[in-house]
């Protein structure tokens, strides 16, 4: 029997992940710039992340290894900006053309970025927030924490995406 194959683009993958992670938010937009320009800037994480995210003062790649789909597996360390008093965070990163998934060590926080070419424009999705894996007894007390994280990121992510758009426009001009 031939069954149809379901295929998700990278942005749809972010939405599926967000549906299973109640502490995250996802925001989708379209940049008025070609995919190569958008992803060329965004995938340079050491330069782009501190430029668009006011919560990140610096980001350093500690290790690179070959990944899947022509991408890389990275280990990065980020230092929080003036907004938060968090300690430096270490993330495992899956970085491929149009896809970036960052998970903190231990996995309590995730960031996802996805891009799809759309003619001479680029569809883009950004996901961020708390991603606890908890056992049943801890699930109920964490509901308000996860709800607060999703609320905060629904407000924070559009500011990040607007900053990305400004940088991408500048890079193309």
Protein backbone atom coordinates (compact mmCIF):
# COMPACT_ATOMS: atom_id res chain seq x y z
CA UNK A 1 0.00 0.00 0.00
CA UNK A 2 1.34 3.45 -0.94
CA UNK A 3 0.61 5.96 1.79
CA UNK A 4 1.26 9.66 1.26
CA UNK A 5 4.29 11.03 3.03
CA UNK A 6 3.77 14.02 5.30
CA UNK A 7 6.48 16.65 4.95
CA UNK A 8 6.88 19.63 7.21
CA UNK A 9 8.92 22.66 6.29
CA UNK A 10 11.32 24.00 8.91
CA UNK A 11 8.88 26.63 10.25
CA UNK A 12 6.11 24.04 10.62
CA UNK A 13 8.61 21.91 12.63
CA UNK A 14 8.99 24.83 15.06
CA UNK A 15 5.22 25.05 15.48
CA UNK A 16 5.02 21.30 16.19
CA UNK A 17 7.77 21.61 18.81
CA UNK A 18 6.00 24.61 20.37
CA UNK A 19 2.77 22.60 20.63
CA UNK A 20 4.55 20.09 22.87
CA UNK A 21 6.45 22.61 25.00
CA UNK A 22 4.05 24.72 27.09
CA UNK A 23 6.80 27.08 28.31
CA UNK A 24 7.76 28.37 24.86
CA UNK A 25 6.35 30.83 22.36
CA UNK A 26 6.83 30.96 18.61
CA UNK A 27 6.61 33.96 16.30
CA UNK A 28 6.50 33.87 12.51
CA UNK A 29 7.17 36.69 10.04
CA UNK A 30 8.51 37.37 6.56
CA UNK A 31 11.74 39.29 5.96
CA UNK A 32 11.96 41.45 2.85
CA UNK A 33 15.34 39.95 1.95
CA UNK A 34 16.51 36.78 0.16
CA UNK A 35 17.14 33.57 2.09
CA UNK A 36 20.93 33.64 1.55
CA UNK A 37 21.18 37.12 3.04
CA UNK A 38 18.92 36.35 6.01
CA UNK A 39 20.43 32.99 6.87
CA UNK A 40 23.97 34.15 6.12
CA UNK A 41 23.66 36.73 8.89
CA UNK A 42 21.55 34.72 11.37
CA UNK A 43 23.68 31.57 11.19
CA UNK A 44 26.76 33.56 12.28
CA UNK A 45 25.60 33.04 15.88
CA UNK A 46 28.59 34.73 17.57
CA UNK A 47 27.81 37.95 15.72
CA UNK A 48 24.04 37.85 15.21
CA UNK A 49 22.64 36.65 18.56
CA UNK A 50 24.17 39.39 20.75
CA UNK A 51 23.18 41.93 18.08
CA UNK A 52 19.47 41.07 18.06
CA UNK A 53 18.87 39.67 21.56
CA UNK A 54 19.21 42.19 24.40
CA UNK A 55 19.26 39.27 26.88
CA UNK A 56 22.57 38.00 25.40
CA UNK A 57 25.77 39.98 25.98
CA UNK A 58 28.04 37.50 24.19
CA UNK A 59 28.07 34.10 22.55
CA UNK A 60 31.16 31.97 21.90
CA UNK A 61 31.41 28.75 19.89
CA UNK A 62 33.39 26.27 22.00
CA UNK A 63 33.29 23.30 19.62
CA UNK A 64 32.20 22.49 16.05
CA UNK A 65 31.52 19.07 14.54
CA UNK A 66 29.88 17.91 11.33
CA UNK A 67 26.10 17.66 11.56
CA UNK A 68 23.28 16.49 9.34
CA UNK A 69 21.86 18.12 6.19
CA UNK A 70 25.16 19.87 5.48
CA UNK A 71 25.12 21.51 8.90
CA UNK A 72 27.10 21.51 12.09
CA UNK A 73 26.75 20.44 15.70
CA UNK A 74 28.01 23.21 17.98
CA UNK A 75 28.68 23.65 21.65
CA UNK A 76 28.26 27.30 22.62
CA UNK A 77 28.46 29.41 25.74
CA UNK A 78 26.37 32.53 26.12
CA UNK A 79 26.58 35.24 28.74
CA UNK A 80 23.41 37.07 29.71
CA UNK A 81 22.95 40.75 29.07
CA UNK A 82 22.02 43.40 31.60
CA UNK A 83 18.34 42.37 31.69
CA UNK A 84 18.86 39.05 33.49
CA UNK A 85 21.22 38.02 36.27
CA UNK A 86 21.69 34.49 34.98
CA UNK A 87 25.00 32.71 34.94
CA UNK A 88 26.67 31.80 31.65
CA UNK A 89 24.73 29.11 29.81
CA UNK A 90 26.05 26.27 27.67
CA UNK A 91 23.95 25.08 24.72
CA UNK A 92 24.07 22.16 22.32
CA UNK A 93 23.24 23.51 18.86
CA UNK A 94 22.03 21.82 15.69
CA UNK A 95 22.77 24.32 12.89
CA UNK A 96 21.90 23.57 9.26
CA UNK A 97 20.78 25.72 6.33
CA UNK A 98 17.51 27.32 7.45
CA UNK A 99 17.47 25.54 10.83
CA UNK A 100 18.94 26.28 14.27
CA UNK A 101 17.93 24.42 17.44
CA UNK A 102 19.67 25.31 20.71
CA UNK A 103 19.08 23.38 23.94
CA UNK A 104 20.72 24.43 27.19
CA UNK A 105 22.65 22.05 29.43
CA UNK A 106 20.77 20.82 31.39
CA UNK A 107 17.84 21.08 28.99
CA UNK A 108 15.75 23.75 30.66
CA UNK A 109 15.76 26.39 27.92
CA UNK A 110 15.45 26.11 24.14
CA UNK A 111 15.77 28.47 21.20
CA UNK A 112 14.78 27.64 17.65
CA UNK A 113 15.13 29.57 14.41
CA UNK A 114 13.84 28.41 11.02
CA UNK A 115 13.86 30.05 7.60
CA UNK A 116 12.29 29.16 4.26
CA UNK A 117 12.93 30.88 0.92
CA UNK A 118 9.86 32.65 -0.47
CA UNK A 119 10.88 34.09 -3.83
CA UNK A 120 13.10 37.09 -3.07
CA UNK A 121 11.81 37.17 0.52
CA UNK A 122 12.30 34.82 3.49
CA UNK A 123 9.68 33.30 5.79
CA UNK A 124 11.09 33.07 9.30
CA UNK A 125 10.08 31.52 12.61
CA UNK A 126 11.60 32.01 16.05
CA UNK A 127 10.86 29.89 19.15
CA UNK A 128 12.13 30.45 22.67
CA UNK A 129 11.37 29.56 26.27
CA UNK A 130 11.54 27.10 29.12
CA UNK A 131 11.51 23.43 28.17
CA UNK A 132 11.52 21.36 31.32
CA UNK A 133 11.33 17.60 31.19
CA UNK A 134 9.66 16.81 34.49
CA UNK A 135 8.21 13.79 36.18
CA UNK A 136 4.52 13.72 37.12
CA UNK A 137 4.76 14.98 40.72
CA UNK A 138 6.54 18.17 39.57
CA UNK A 139 4.34 18.85 36.53
CA UNK A 140 1.48 20.59 38.37
CA UNK A 141 3.62 23.07 40.36
CA UNK A 142 5.49 24.01 37.15
CA UNK A 143 2.33 24.95 35.19
CA UNK A 144 2.41 28.60 36.35
CA UNK A 145 6.17 28.84 35.70
CA UNK A 146 5.74 27.53 32.16
CA UNK A 147 2.76 29.83 31.56
CA UNK A 148 4.81 32.82 32.73
CA UNK A 149 7.67 31.80 30.43
CA UNK A 150 5.34 31.55 27.43
CA UNK A 151 3.79 34.93 28.30
CA UNK A 152 7.20 36.60 28.61
CA UNK A 153 8.44 35.12 25.34
CA UNK A 154 5.31 36.11 23.41
CA UNK A 155 6.40 39.69 24.22
CA UNK A 156 10.18 39.23 23.95
CA UNK A 157 10.43 37.33 20.65
CA UNK A 158 8.76 39.99 18.43
CA UNK A 159 11.36 42.53 19.67
CA UNK A 160 14.15 40.10 18.76
CA UNK A 161 12.63 39.49 15.32
CA UNK A 162 12.27 43.25 14.70
CA UNK A 163 15.96 43.69 15.59
CA UNK A 164 16.85 40.83 13.22
CA UNK A 165 14.96 42.56 10.40
CA UNK A 166 16.86 45.82 10.99
CA UNK A 167 20.22 44.02 10.86
CA UNK A 168 19.30 41.99 7.79
CA UNK A 169 18.14 45.13 5.95
CA UNK A 170 21.40 46.89 6.87
CA UNK A 171 23.44 43.89 5.68
CA UNK A 172 21.74 44.02 2.28
CA UNK A 173 21.96 47.80 1.84
